[in-house]
Amino acid sequence: MATAKEITAKENVYKNIRNALIDKMDNPFYGVDQDASVYNLLKESNDVTFAQEFTKVSGKFVYCESVDDLGKKLKYICFENKLQNIFCFEDDLKQLLDEYEIAVCDDKTKILEVNTSISYCECLVARLGSVVVSSKQISGRRLIALPETHIIVAFTWQLVEDLKDALAFLKEKYQKKLPSSITFITGPSRTADIEKTLVLGAHGPKELFVFLVEANDK
């Protein structure tokens, strides 16, 4: 049974709510543009900003002037980092790797045996230095999460400024039927759960490369 003190406290709460509804306070933020960006304007272009932000979170950025330049730099990076037998699903990427004599694996049963994978992405978010991938891509989620090293190939037309622009990009691409899973990857996988020491590669790739290819058209 409720005590008189409890009833009084409850009545006071109701009274305060009633008074607040009757004597409404003027909105101190009247006229605020809800659609305006809360961020400062970028000081650099999207490609430069992305490169800066991506490298800040331990990502490895490589700029390519053309698809041919991409092939040459992929071969060099694979040789320098001893990346062998790269897992890949996209046919045109496999063809490019073959042209530059880079060993490719596309057998899904061996995905746990390879330490490097390569794929495209949906887009790149310049301000965050983030890579956007989705469940509608051929590569799927396992290709990105399982290997120690993952290589993303993107084109300059895939650069967007902010998070909202990335969602608008996807809505336009998929005619407003968004993928069931959209993932924003900001640098290699990391955790500080173990004795508050930063460890890379705990829940995903230890190394993340982005090869950005100059291309104005899709």
Protein backbone atom coordinates (compact mmCIF):
# COMPACT_ATOMS: atom_id res chain seq x y z
CA MET A 1 0.00 0.00 0.00
CA ALA A 2 1.39 3.42 -0.99
CA THR A 3 2.23 5.77 1.86
CA ALA A 4 1.01 9.37 2.09
CA LYS A 5 4.54 10.57 1.40
CA GLU A 6 4.76 8.49 -1.83
CA ILE A 7 1.36 9.78 -3.00
CA THR A 8 2.43 13.35 -2.34
CA ALA A 9 5.67 12.87 -4.29
CA LYS A 10 3.76 11.41 -7.25
CA GLU A 11 1.23 14.24 -7.13
CA ASN A 12 4.08 16.77 -7.20
CA VAL A 13 5.50 15.16 -10.32
CA TYR A 14 2.11 15.28 -12.07
CA LYS A 15 1.63 18.86 -10.93
CA ASN A 16 5.00 19.91 -12.36
CA ILE A 17 4.20 18.22 -15.68
CA ARG A 18 0.78 19.89 -15.83
CA ASN A 19 2.26 23.32 -15.07
CA ALA A 20 4.96 22.84 -17.71
CA LEU A 21 2.31 22.04 -20.32
CA ILE A 22 0.23 25.07 -19.35
CA ASP A 23 3.07 27.58 -19.03
CA LYS A 24 5.15 26.62 -22.05
CA MET A 25 8.63 28.04 -22.27
CA ASP A 26 9.76 29.75 -25.47
CA ASN A 27 12.09 27.65 -27.61
CA PRO A 28 15.59 29.14 -27.09
CA PHE A 29 16.75 27.57 -30.37
CA TYR A 30 13.96 28.85 -32.61
CA GLY A 31 14.90 29.18 -36.26
CA VAL A 32 17.81 26.72 -36.17
CA ASP A 33 18.39 25.08 -39.55
CA GLN A 34 18.00 21.37 -38.78
CA ASP A 35 19.37 20.37 -42.18
CA ALA A 36 22.56 22.42 -41.98
CA SER A 37 25.84 20.57 -41.43
CA VAL A 38 27.23 20.63 -37.89
CA TYR A 39 30.76 20.23 -39.22
CA ASN A 40 33.23 22.86 -40.34
CA LEU A 41 33.88 23.09 -44.06
CA LEU A 42 36.68 20.83 -45.28
CA LYS A 43 39.94 22.69 -45.84
CA GLU A 44 41.12 20.27 -48.53
CA SER A 45 39.53 18.35 -51.41
CA ASN A 46 37.79 15.05 -50.67
CA ASP A 47 40.69 12.91 -51.88
CA VAL A 48 43.30 14.77 -49.82
CA THR A 49 41.04 14.83 -46.73
CA PHE A 50 40.35 11.10 -47.02
CA ALA A 51 44.06 10.29 -47.33
CA GLN A 52 44.86 12.40 -44.25
CA GLU A 53 42.09 10.96 -42.08
CA PHE A 54 42.62 7.38 -43.24
CA THR A 55 46.34 7.42 -42.45
CA LYS A 56 45.58 8.92 -39.01
CA VAL A 57 43.80 5.67 -38.08
CA SER A 58 46.70 3.48 -39.28
CA GLY A 59 45.31 2.89 -42.77
CA LYS A 60 47.72 2.61 -45.71
CA PHE A 61 46.80 4.85 -48.63
CA VAL A 62 48.06 4.49 -52.21
CA TYR A 63 47.11 6.93 -54.98
CA CYS A 64 46.98 5.61 -58.56
CA GLU A 65 46.83 7.75 -61.70
CA SER A 66 45.16 5.02 -63.76
CA VAL A 67 44.13 1.36 -63.74
CA ASP A 68 47.51 0.49 -65.26
CA ASP A 69 49.21 2.38 -62.43
CA LEU A 70 47.00 0.43 -60.00
CA GLY A 71 48.26 -2.87 -61.38
CA LYS A 72 51.91 -1.82 -61.09
CA LYS A 73 51.51 -0.53 -57.53
CA LEU A 74 49.56 -3.60 -56.44
CA LYS A 75 52.37 -5.81 -57.70
CA TYR A 76 54.98 -3.69 -55.90
CA ILE A 77 53.05 -3.63 -52.60
CA CYS A 78 52.43 -7.38 -52.75
CA PHE A 79 56.13 -8.02 -53.36
CA GLU A 80 57.33 -5.61 -50.65
CA ASN A 81 54.89 -6.95 -48.05
CA LYS A 82 55.17 -10.59 -49.14
CA LEU A 83 51.44 -10.80 -49.83
CA GLN A 84 50.79 -14.02 -51.71
CA ASN A 85 47.78 -15.85 -53.13
CA ILE A 86 45.30 -12.98 -52.78
CA PHE A 87 41.67 -13.93 -52.28
CA CYS A 88 39.37 -12.18 -54.78
CA PHE A 89 35.80 -12.58 -56.10
CA GLU A 90 35.43 -9.67 -58.57
CA ASP A 91 36.18 -10.85 -62.13
CA ASP A 92 37.75 -7.62 -63.39
CA LEU A 93 40.02 -7.43 -60.35
CA LYS A 94 41.05 -11.06 -60.86
CA GLN A 95 41.85 -10.27 -64.49
CA LEU A 96 43.98 -7.29 -63.43
CA LEU A 97 45.87 -9.38 -60.89
CA ASP A 98 46.47 -12.08 -63.51
CA GLU A 99 47.81 -9.50 -65.98
CA TYR A 100 50.40 -8.41 -63.42
CA GLU A 101 51.24 -11.99 -62.41
CA ILE A 102 49.82 -11.72 -58.90
CA ALA A 103 48.58 -15.09 -57.62
CA VAL A 104 44.81 -15.18 -57.04
CA CYS A 105 42.54 -17.55 -55.11
CA ASP A 106 38.75 -17.60 -55.48
CA ASP A 107 37.96 -20.94 -53.84
CA LYS A 108 35.56 -20.10 -51.00
CA THR A 109 36.52 -23.27 -49.12
CA LYS A 110 40.06 -21.90 -48.71
CA ILE A 111 39.15 -18.48 -47.35
CA LEU A 112 40.53 -19.38 -43.91
CA GLU A 113 43.88 -20.39 -45.45
CA VAL A 114 44.76 -17.08 -47.13
CA ASN A 115 46.04 -14.00 -45.30
CA THR A 116 45.22 -11.34 -47.91
CA SER A 117 42.05 -10.32 -49.74
CA ILE A 118 41.08 -7.61 -52.20
CA SER A 119 37.71 -6.08 -53.09
CA TYR A 120 35.89 -2.96 -54.19
CA CYS A 121 33.86 -0.78 -51.83
CA GLU A 122 30.62 1.20 -52.04
CA CYS A 123 32.21 4.59 -51.38
CA LEU A 124 34.75 6.49 -49.26
CA VAL A 125 33.81 9.09 -46.63
CA ALA A 126 36.42 11.85 -46.76
CA ARG A 127 35.77 13.54 -43.40
CA LEU A 128 35.95 10.27 -41.45
CA GLY A 129 38.57 8.46 -43.50
CA SER A 130 36.09 5.58 -43.67
CA VAL A 131 35.46 2.86 -46.24
CA VAL A 132 31.83 1.91 -46.83
CA VAL A 133 30.97 -1.69 -47.76
CA SER A 134 27.62 -3.47 -47.93
CA SER A 135 25.98 -6.89 -48.06
CA LYS A 136 25.06 -6.34 -51.73
CA GLN A 137 28.67 -6.47 -52.86
CA ILE A 138 30.00 -9.63 -54.51
CA SER A 139 32.81 -9.92 -51.98
CA GLY A 140 30.51 -10.35 -48.96
CA ARG A 141 31.48 -9.76 -45.35
CA ARG A 142 33.80 -12.73 -44.79
CA LEU A 143 36.28 -11.54 -47.40
CA ILE A 144 36.81 -8.33 -45.45
CA ALA A 145 36.70 -9.68 -41.89
CA LEU A 146 38.78 -12.87 -42.01
CA PRO A 147 42.18 -12.21 -43.71
CA GLU A 148 44.97 -10.36 -41.84
CA THR A 149 45.40 -7.91 -44.72
CA HIS A 150 42.61 -6.44 -46.81
CA ILE A 151 43.05 -4.28 -49.90
CA ILE A 152 40.28 -1.92 -51.02
CA VAL A 153 40.22 -0.62 -54.60
CA ALA A 154 38.21 2.59 -55.03
CA PHE A 155 37.83 5.32 -57.65
CA THR A 156 37.78 9.08 -57.15
CA TRP A 157 34.11 9.29 -58.22
CA GLN A 158 33.28 7.18 -55.14
CA LEU A 159 34.49 9.89 -52.74
CA VAL A 160 31.81 11.64 -50.68
CA GLU A 161 32.25 14.33 -48.06
CA ASP A 162 30.17 13.17 -45.08
CA LEU A 163 28.15 10.32 -43.62
CA LYS A 164 24.85 11.70 -44.94
CA ASP A 165 26.37 11.91 -48.42
CA ALA A 166 27.36 8.23 -48.21
CA LEU A 167 23.78 7.24 -47.39
CA ALA A 168 22.46 9.43 -50.22
CA PHE A 169 25.02 7.78 -52.54
CA LEU A 170 23.73 4.31 -51.60
CA LYS A 171 20.07 5.32 -51.89
CA GLU A 172 20.68 6.58 -55.41
CA LYS A 173 22.66 3.48 -56.37
CA TYR A 174 20.09 1.00 -55.03
CA GLN A 175 17.00 3.11 -55.82
CA LYS A 176 16.24 3.71 -52.13
CA LYS A 177 16.28 -0.06 -51.37
CA LEU A 178 19.27 -0.02 -49.05
CA PRO A 179 21.34 -3.17 -48.42
CA SER A 180 20.48 -5.16 -45.27
CA SER A 181 23.97 -4.48 -43.92
CA ILE A 182 26.05 -1.32 -44.37
CA THR A 183 29.46 -1.24 -42.69
CA PHE A 184 31.74 1.75 -42.15
CA ILE A 185 35.37 0.65 -41.80
CA THR A 186 37.67 3.23 -40.25
CA GLY A 187 41.19 1.81 -40.34
CA PRO A 188 42.33 -1.71 -39.40
CA SER A 189 40.51 -3.66 -36.70
CA ARG A 190 41.60 -2.60 -33.21
CA THR A 191 40.81 -3.15 -29.54
CA ALA A 192 42.11 -1.96 -26.18
CA ASP A 193 40.18 -4.53 -24.14
CA ILE A 194 43.32 -6.42 -23.15
CA GLU A 195 45.00 -4.49 -20.31
CA LYS A 196 44.04 -1.23 -22.11
CA THR A 197 46.78 -1.85 -24.68
CA LEU A 198 45.91 -1.04 -28.30
CA VAL A 199 46.05 -4.19 -30.42
CA LEU A 200 45.52 -4.17 -34.19
CA GLY A 201 43.83 -7.06 -35.97
CA ALA A 202 41.89 -8.42 -33.00
CA HIS A 203 38.50 -8.68 -34.73
CA GLY A 204 39.37 -8.22 -38.40
CA PRO A 205 42.20 -7.13 -40.73
CA LYS A 206 45.47 -6.14 -39.11
CA GLU A 207 46.37 -4.10 -42.20
CA LEU A 208 44.00 -2.13 -44.40
CA PHE A 209 45.11 -0.68 -47.74
CA VAL A 210 43.10 1.70 -49.92
CA PHE A 211 44.21 2.09 -53.53
CA LEU A 212 42.46 5.18 -54.90
CA VAL A 213 42.35 5.29 -58.70
CA GLU A 214 41.88 8.59 -60.54
CA ALA A 215 38.70 8.26 -62.59
CA ASN A 216 36.02 10.87 -63.21
CA ASP A 217 33.50 8.51 -64.83
CA LYS A 218 31.87 5.38 -63.44
